[in-house]
């Protein structure tokens, strides 16, 4: 079983790509888990209030609603 090795020049573009990723700052988020019990209109009103405050709904599980928003 022989293993091929790549010349150093072929691996340089990959290295510069990795370095460029390190320079970019990752976005930071805060998260909130909210218990919302109600029917359509009430739930819609509450979700819209969170949306107006900058929260994005990312998941739901029964009556639990999970939100996130970016931290500046």
Protein backbone atom coordinates (compact mmCIF):
# COMPACT_ATOMS: atom_id res chain seq x y z
CA UNK A 1 0.00 0.00 0.00
CA UNK A 2 1.62 3.26 -1.09
CA UNK A 3 0.62 6.70 0.10
CA UNK A 4 0.91 9.62 -2.26
CA UNK A 5 2.16 12.90 -0.89
CA UNK A 6 1.17 16.22 -2.37
CA UNK A 7 3.83 18.75 -3.20
CA UNK A 8 4.00 21.71 -0.80
CA UNK A 9 2.81 24.14 -3.50
CA UNK A 10 -0.54 22.32 -3.81
CA UNK A 11 -1.27 22.68 -0.11
CA UNK A 12 -0.54 26.44 0.03
CA UNK A 13 -3.94 27.59 -1.34
CA UNK A 14 -5.68 25.54 1.34
CA UNK A 15 -3.49 27.10 4.04
CA UNK A 16 -4.30 30.64 2.89
CA UNK A 17 -8.02 29.76 2.92
CA UNK A 18 -7.74 28.55 6.53
CA UNK A 19 -5.90 31.73 7.54
CA UNK A 20 -8.63 33.87 5.94
CA UNK A 21 -11.26 32.04 8.01
CA UNK A 22 -9.36 32.78 11.20
CA UNK A 23 -9.37 36.50 10.42
CA UNK A 24 -13.17 36.63 10.17
CA UNK A 25 -14.98 37.12 13.44
CA UNK A 26 -17.75 34.67 14.16
CA UNK A 27 -21.13 36.12 14.97
CA UNK A 28 -22.24 35.76 18.59
CA UNK A 29 -25.79 35.05 19.61
CA UNK A 30 -27.85 34.99 22.77
CA UNK A 31 -30.65 32.48 23.16
CA UNK A 32 -34.01 32.43 24.92
CA UNK A 33 -36.44 29.61 25.66
CA UNK A 34 -40.05 30.74 26.17
CA UNK A 35 -43.13 28.80 27.28
CA UNK A 36 -46.09 30.05 25.19
CA UNK A 37 -49.45 28.43 25.83
CA UNK A 38 -52.32 29.68 23.74
CA UNK A 39 -54.14 29.47 20.46
CA UNK A 40 -53.36 31.09 17.12
CA UNK A 41 -54.00 34.79 17.70
CA UNK A 42 -52.37 34.95 21.13
CA UNK A 43 -49.31 32.97 20.02
CA UNK A 44 -48.99 35.10 16.86
CA UNK A 45 -49.14 38.30 18.91
CA UNK A 46 -46.45 37.07 21.32
CA UNK A 47 -44.18 35.83 18.51
CA UNK A 48 -44.50 39.18 16.72
CA UNK A 49 -43.55 41.01 19.93
CA UNK A 50 -40.37 38.95 20.21
CA UNK A 51 -39.65 39.53 16.51
CA UNK A 52 -39.98 43.30 16.94
CA UNK A 53 -37.45 43.07 19.78
CA UNK A 54 -34.93 41.44 17.45
CA UNK A 55 -35.51 37.80 18.41
CA UNK A 56 -35.63 35.16 15.67
CA UNK A 57 -37.68 32.00 16.23
CA UNK A 58 -35.42 29.03 15.49
CA UNK A 59 -37.33 26.03 16.85
CA UNK A 60 -40.46 24.91 18.66
CA UNK A 61 -41.27 21.87 20.73
CA UNK A 62 -44.90 21.64 21.82
CA UNK A 63 -45.36 24.88 23.83
CA UNK A 64 -41.65 25.74 24.08
CA UNK A 65 -40.34 28.33 21.61
CA UNK A 66 -36.61 28.84 21.11
CA UNK A 67 -35.27 32.20 19.96
CA UNK A 68 -31.90 33.69 19.14
CA UNK A 69 -30.58 37.17 18.36
CA UNK A 70 -27.19 38.48 17.40
CA UNK A 71 -25.05 40.16 20.04
CA UNK A 72 -23.30 43.28 18.74
